[in-house]
């Protein structure tokens, strides 16, 4: 798994605005017409960490917090990955609903 923080050139504790500015600066250099593959890599990295909910999801499913299932990841998240505040209840419900839908349950 690639590190989106490294791709965008930001620290792991960067805030939303810093991440967005780094993304916008990078896409100015790599247009989708001239370098579509690099542009797609940047866009994917930004999508993974663009906001707090996305960063939580990235942490849950990244190599830093390996898990056997989403529930295992949630349990481990509380004890091993304290980079961010816990997700609000509504965001957690949305996250779990999305995971269940994507897994076909």
N, C-alpha and C. Protein backbone atom coordinates (compact mmCIF):
# COMPACT_ATOMS: atom_id res chain seq x y z
N UNK A 1 0.86 -1.18 0.00
CA UNK A 1 0.00 0.00 0.00
C UNK A 1 0.90 1.24 0.00
N UNK A 2 0.60 2.18 -0.87
CA UNK A 2 1.39 3.39 -0.94
C UNK A 2 0.99 4.35 0.17
N UNK A 3 1.89 5.20 0.54
CA UNK A 3 1.65 6.16 1.61
C UNK A 3 1.17 7.48 1.00
N UNK A 4 -0.11 7.82 1.18
CA UNK A 4 -0.63 9.05 0.57
C UNK A 4 0.02 10.31 1.14
N UNK A 5 0.46 10.26 2.39
CA UNK A 5 1.15 11.42 2.98
C UNK A 5 2.46 11.68 2.25
N UNK A 6 3.17 10.61 1.94
CA UNK A 6 4.44 10.73 1.21
C UNK A 6 4.19 11.23 -0.22
N UNK A 7 3.18 10.69 -0.86
CA UNK A 7 2.87 11.10 -2.24
C UNK A 7 2.57 12.59 -2.31
N UNK A 8 1.81 13.10 -1.33
CA UNK A 8 1.44 14.52 -1.34
C UNK A 8 2.48 15.40 -0.65
N UNK A 9 3.46 14.79 0.01
CA UNK A 9 4.51 15.56 0.65
C UNK A 9 4.08 16.29 1.90
N UNK A 10 3.20 15.66 2.69
CA UNK A 10 2.73 16.28 3.93
C UNK A 10 3.01 15.34 5.11
N UNK A 11 3.01 15.92 6.29
CA UNK A 11 3.21 15.14 7.50
C UNK A 11 1.93 14.36 7.83
N UNK A 12 2.07 13.27 8.58
CA UNK A 12 0.92 12.44 8.94
C UNK A 12 -0.07 13.18 9.83
N UNK A 13 0.38 14.23 10.50
CA UNK A 13 -0.53 14.99 11.37
C UNK A 13 -1.00 16.29 10.72
N UNK A 14 -0.86 16.39 9.40
CA UNK A 14 -1.27 17.60 8.68
C UNK A 14 -2.79 17.77 8.76
N UNK A 15 -3.22 19.03 8.77
CA UNK A 15 -4.66 19.30 8.82
C UNK A 15 -5.25 19.31 7.40
N UNK A 16 -6.57 19.41 7.32
CA UNK A 16 -7.28 19.36 6.04
C UNK A 16 -6.77 20.42 5.06
N UNK A 17 -6.57 21.63 5.55
CA UNK A 17 -6.16 22.73 4.68
C UNK A 17 -4.76 22.48 4.10
N UNK A 18 -3.84 22.01 4.92
CA UNK A 18 -2.48 21.73 4.46
C UNK A 18 -2.48 20.64 3.40
N UNK A 19 -3.28 19.60 3.63
CA UNK A 19 -3.37 18.50 2.67
C UNK A 19 -3.96 19.00 1.35
N UNK A 20 -5.00 19.80 1.44
CA UNK A 20 -5.63 20.34 0.22
C UNK A 20 -4.66 21.22 -0.56
N UNK A 21 -3.93 22.08 0.15
CA UNK A 21 -2.97 22.96 -0.53
C UNK A 21 -1.87 22.15 -1.22
N UNK A 22 -1.39 21.10 -0.56
CA UNK A 22 -0.36 20.25 -1.15
C UNK A 22 -0.90 19.55 -2.41
N UNK A 23 -2.14 19.08 -2.33
CA UNK A 23 -2.77 18.43 -3.48
C UNK A 23 -2.91 19.40 -4.65
N UNK A 24 -3.43 20.59 -4.38
CA UNK A 24 -3.62 21.57 -5.46
C UNK A 24 -2.29 21.99 -6.09
N UNK A 25 -1.28 22.11 -5.27
CA UNK A 25 0.06 22.45 -5.79
C UNK A 25 0.58 21.33 -6.69
N UNK A 26 0.38 20.09 -6.26
CA UNK A 26 0.88 18.95 -7.03
C UNK A 26 0.13 18.78 -8.35
N UNK A 27 -1.18 18.97 -8.35
CA UNK A 27 -1.93 18.77 -9.60
C UNK A 27 -1.66 19.88 -10.61
N UNK A 28 -1.17 21.02 -10.16
CA UNK A 28 -0.77 22.06 -11.11
C UNK A 28 0.43 21.60 -11.93
N UNK A 29 1.29 20.81 -11.30
CA UNK A 29 2.48 20.30 -11.99
C UNK A 29 2.16 19.13 -12.92
N UNK A 30 1.18 18.32 -12.53
CA UNK A 30 0.86 17.10 -13.28
C UNK A 30 -0.58 17.16 -13.76
N UNK A 31 -0.79 17.66 -14.96
CA UNK A 31 -2.15 17.77 -15.47
C UNK A 31 -2.65 16.40 -15.94
N UNK A 32 -3.96 16.19 -15.93
CA UNK A 32 -4.49 14.91 -16.37
C UNK A 32 -4.26 14.64 -17.86
N UNK A 33 -4.03 15.70 -18.63
CA UNK A 33 -3.79 15.52 -20.06
C UNK A 33 -2.35 15.08 -20.35
N UNK A 34 -1.40 15.70 -19.66
CA UNK A 34 0.00 15.40 -19.96
C UNK A 34 0.54 14.20 -19.19
N UNK A 35 0.08 14.00 -17.96
CA UNK A 35 0.57 12.88 -17.15
C UNK A 35 -0.60 12.24 -16.39
N UNK A 36 -1.45 11.54 -17.11
CA UNK A 36 -2.67 11.01 -16.48
C UNK A 36 -2.39 10.01 -15.35
N UNK A 37 -1.34 9.21 -15.49
CA UNK A 37 -1.06 8.22 -14.44
C UNK A 37 -0.65 8.91 -13.14
N UNK A 38 0.25 9.89 -13.22
CA UNK A 38 0.69 10.62 -12.03
C UNK A 38 -0.48 11.40 -11.42
N UNK A 39 -1.30 11.99 -12.27
CA UNK A 39 -2.46 12.73 -11.79
C UNK A 39 -3.40 11.79 -11.02
N UNK A 40 -3.60 10.58 -11.54
CA UNK A 40 -4.48 9.61 -10.87
C UNK A 40 -3.90 9.19 -9.52
N UNK A 41 -2.60 9.01 -9.45
CA UNK A 41 -1.95 8.66 -8.18
C UNK A 41 -2.17 9.77 -7.15
N UNK A 42 -1.99 11.01 -7.57
CA UNK A 42 -2.21 12.14 -6.67
C UNK A 42 -3.67 12.22 -6.22
N UNK A 43 -4.59 12.02 -7.15
CA UNK A 43 -6.01 12.08 -6.82
C UNK A 43 -6.40 10.97 -5.86
N UNK A 44 -5.88 9.78 -6.07
CA UNK A 44 -6.17 8.66 -5.17
C UNK A 44 -5.61 8.94 -3.77
N UNK A 45 -4.40 9.46 -3.71
CA UNK A 45 -3.79 9.78 -2.41
C UNK A 45 -4.61 10.84 -1.68
N UNK A 46 -5.02 11.86 -2.40
CA UNK A 46 -5.83 12.91 -1.79
C UNK A 46 -7.17 12.37 -1.30
N UNK A 47 -7.79 11.50 -2.07
CA UNK A 47 -9.08 10.91 -1.67
C UNK A 47 -8.94 10.11 -0.38
N UNK A 48 -7.78 9.50 -0.16
CA UNK A 48 -7.57 8.69 1.04
C UNK A 48 -7.43 9.52 2.30
N UNK A 49 -6.95 10.76 2.19
CA UNK A 49 -6.65 11.55 3.40
C UNK A 49 -7.22 12.96 3.36
N UNK A 50 -8.19 13.23 2.51
CA UNK A 50 -8.67 14.60 2.33
C UNK A 50 -9.40 15.18 3.53
N UNK A 51 -10.01 14.34 4.34
CA UNK A 51 -10.70 14.82 5.54
C UNK A 51 -10.54 13.80 6.65
N UNK A 52 -11.05 14.14 7.82
CA UNK A 52 -10.83 13.29 8.98
C UNK A 52 -11.44 11.89 8.80
N UNK A 53 -12.62 11.81 8.23
CA UNK A 53 -13.25 10.52 8.01
C UNK A 53 -12.43 9.67 7.05
N UNK A 54 -11.93 10.27 6.00
CA UNK A 54 -11.10 9.54 5.04
C UNK A 54 -9.81 9.07 5.68
N UNK A 55 -9.21 9.92 6.53
CA UNK A 55 -7.98 9.53 7.22
C UNK A 55 -8.23 8.38 8.18
N UNK A 56 -9.36 8.40 8.88
CA UNK A 56 -9.70 7.29 9.76
C UNK A 56 -9.80 5.99 8.95
N UNK A 57 -10.48 6.06 7.84
CA UNK A 57 -10.62 4.86 7.00
C UNK A 57 -9.25 4.38 6.51
N UNK A 58 -8.39 5.31 6.10
CA UNK A 58 -7.05 4.95 5.65
C UNK A 58 -6.29 4.24 6.76
N UNK A 59 -6.35 4.77 7.97
CA UNK A 59 -5.65 4.16 9.09
C UNK A 59 -6.20 2.77 9.38
N UNK A 60 -7.51 2.63 9.36
CA UNK A 60 -8.12 1.34 9.68
C UNK A 60 -7.69 0.24 8.71
N UNK A 61 -7.50 0.60 7.45
CA UNK A 61 -7.19 -0.41 6.46
C UNK A 61 -5.77 -0.32 5.91
N UNK A 62 -4.92 0.46 6.55
CA UNK A 62 -3.54 0.58 6.10
C UNK A 62 -2.67 -0.47 6.78
N UNK A 63 -1.44 -0.53 6.37
CA UNK A 63 -0.50 -1.49 6.95
C UNK A 63 -0.13 -1.12 8.38
N UNK A 64 -0.32 0.14 8.77
CA UNK A 64 0.00 0.53 10.13
C UNK A 64 -0.94 -0.14 11.13
N UNK A 65 -2.14 -0.45 10.72
CA UNK A 65 -3.13 -1.08 11.60
C UNK A 65 -3.74 -2.27 10.88
N UNK A 66 -2.99 -3.35 10.72
CA UNK A 66 -3.54 -4.50 10.01
C UNK A 66 -4.70 -5.10 10.78
N UNK A 67 -5.65 -5.67 10.07
CA UNK A 67 -6.81 -6.26 10.74
C UNK A 67 -7.36 -7.40 9.90
N UNK A 68 -8.03 -8.31 10.58
CA UNK A 68 -8.68 -9.42 9.89
C UNK A 68 -10.06 -9.02 9.38
N UNK A 69 -10.70 -8.11 10.04
CA UNK A 69 -12.03 -7.65 9.64
C UNK A 69 -12.19 -6.18 10.04
N UNK A 70 -13.18 -5.49 9.52
CA UNK A 70 -13.40 -4.10 9.92
C UNK A 70 -13.61 -3.94 11.43
N UNK A 71 -14.29 -4.90 12.05
CA UNK A 71 -14.50 -4.82 13.49
C UNK A 71 -13.18 -4.95 14.24
N UNK A 72 -12.32 -5.87 13.81
CA UNK A 72 -11.00 -5.99 14.42
C UNK A 72 -10.23 -4.68 14.28
N UNK A 73 -10.36 -4.07 13.10
CA UNK A 73 -9.66 -2.81 12.87
C UNK A 73 -10.16 -1.73 13.82
N UNK A 74 -11.48 -1.68 14.03
CA UNK A 74 -12.02 -0.69 14.95
C UNK A 74 -11.50 -0.90 16.37
N UNK A 75 -11.44 -2.13 16.78
CA UNK A 75 -10.94 -2.43 18.12
C UNK A 75 -9.47 -2.04 18.24
N UNK A 76 -8.68 -2.41 17.25
CA UNK A 76 -7.25 -2.07 17.28
C UNK A 76 -7.02 -0.58 17.17
N UNK A 77 -7.89 0.08 16.41
CA UNK A 77 -7.75 1.53 16.22
C UNK A 77 -7.72 2.26 17.55
N UNK A 78 -8.59 1.85 18.45
CA UNK A 78 -8.67 2.50 19.75
C UNK A 78 -7.42 2.36 20.58
N UNK A 79 -6.69 1.27 20.40
CA UNK A 79 -5.53 1.05 21.25
C UNK A 79 -4.18 1.32 20.59
N UNK A 80 -4.12 1.28 19.25
CA UNK A 80 -2.82 1.39 18.60
C UNK A 80 -2.63 2.62 17.73
N UNK A 81 -3.68 3.19 17.25
CA UNK A 81 -3.55 4.29 16.29
C UNK A 81 -4.24 5.53 16.83
N UNK A 82 -3.63 6.18 17.73
CA UNK A 82 -4.25 7.35 18.36
C UNK A 82 -3.80 8.66 17.71
N UNK A 83 -3.71 8.68 16.40
CA UNK A 83 -3.32 9.90 15.70
C UNK A 83 -4.46 10.91 15.65
N UNK A 84 -5.68 10.43 15.67
CA UNK A 84 -6.82 11.30 15.47
C UNK A 84 -7.86 11.06 16.56
N UNK A 85 -8.74 12.02 16.72
CA UNK A 85 -9.85 11.85 17.65
C UNK A 85 -10.78 10.77 17.10
N UNK A 86 -11.54 10.11 17.98
CA UNK A 86 -12.49 9.11 17.48
C UNK A 86 -13.51 9.74 16.54
N UNK A 87 -14.01 8.93 15.62
CA UNK A 87 -15.03 9.42 14.71
C UNK A 87 -16.32 9.73 15.46
N UNK A 88 -17.04 10.75 15.04
CA UNK A 88 -18.36 11.00 15.62
C UNK A 88 -19.27 9.80 15.31
N UNK A 89 -20.29 9.60 16.12
CA UNK A 89 -21.18 8.44 15.98
C UNK A 89 -21.80 8.36 14.58
N UNK A 90 -22.26 9.48 14.04
CA UNK A 90 -22.87 9.47 12.70
C UNK A 90 -21.86 9.02 11.64
N UNK A 91 -20.64 9.51 11.74
CA UNK A 91 -19.61 9.13 10.78
C UNK A 91 -19.26 7.65 10.92
N UNK A 92 -19.23 7.14 12.16
CA UNK A 92 -18.94 5.73 12.38
C UNK A 92 -20.05 4.86 11.78
N UNK A 93 -21.31 5.27 11.96
CA UNK A 93 -22.43 4.51 11.38
C UNK A 93 -22.32 4.49 9.86
N UNK A 94 -22.01 5.64 9.28
CA UNK A 94 -21.87 5.72 7.82
C UNK A 94 -20.73 4.84 7.35
N UNK A 95 -19.62 4.87 8.07
CA UNK A 95 -18.45 4.06 7.72
C UNK A 95 -18.81 2.57 7.75
N UNK A 96 -19.44 2.11 8.84
CA UNK A 96 -19.79 0.70 8.97
C UNK A 96 -20.83 0.28 7.94
N UNK A 97 -21.76 1.16 7.62
CA UNK A 97 -22.75 0.86 6.59
C UNK A 97 -22.07 0.69 5.23
N UNK A 98 -21.13 1.56 4.93
CA UNK A 98 -20.39 1.48 3.67
C UNK A 98 -19.58 0.20 3.59
N UNK A 99 -18.90 -0.15 4.68
CA UNK A 99 -18.11 -1.39 4.71
C UNK A 99 -19.01 -2.60 4.49
N UNK A 100 -20.15 -2.62 5.17
CA UNK A 100 -21.07 -3.75 5.03
C UNK A 100 -21.60 -3.83 3.59
N UNK A 101 -21.92 -2.70 3.01
CA UNK A 101 -22.44 -2.68 1.64
C UNK A 101 -21.38 -3.17 0.67
N UNK A 102 -20.12 -2.72 0.84
CA UNK A 102 -19.04 -3.10 -0.05
C UNK A 102 -18.67 -4.58 0.09
N UNK A 103 -18.89 -5.13 1.26
CA UNK A 103 -18.55 -6.54 1.46
C UNK A 103 -19.71 -7.46 1.05
N UNK A 104 -20.83 -6.87 0.63
CA UNK A 104 -21.95 -7.65 0.12
C UNK A 104 -22.86 -8.22 1.18
N UNK A 105 -22.83 -7.65 2.38
CA UNK A 105 -23.69 -8.16 3.46
C UNK A 105 -24.89 -7.29 3.65
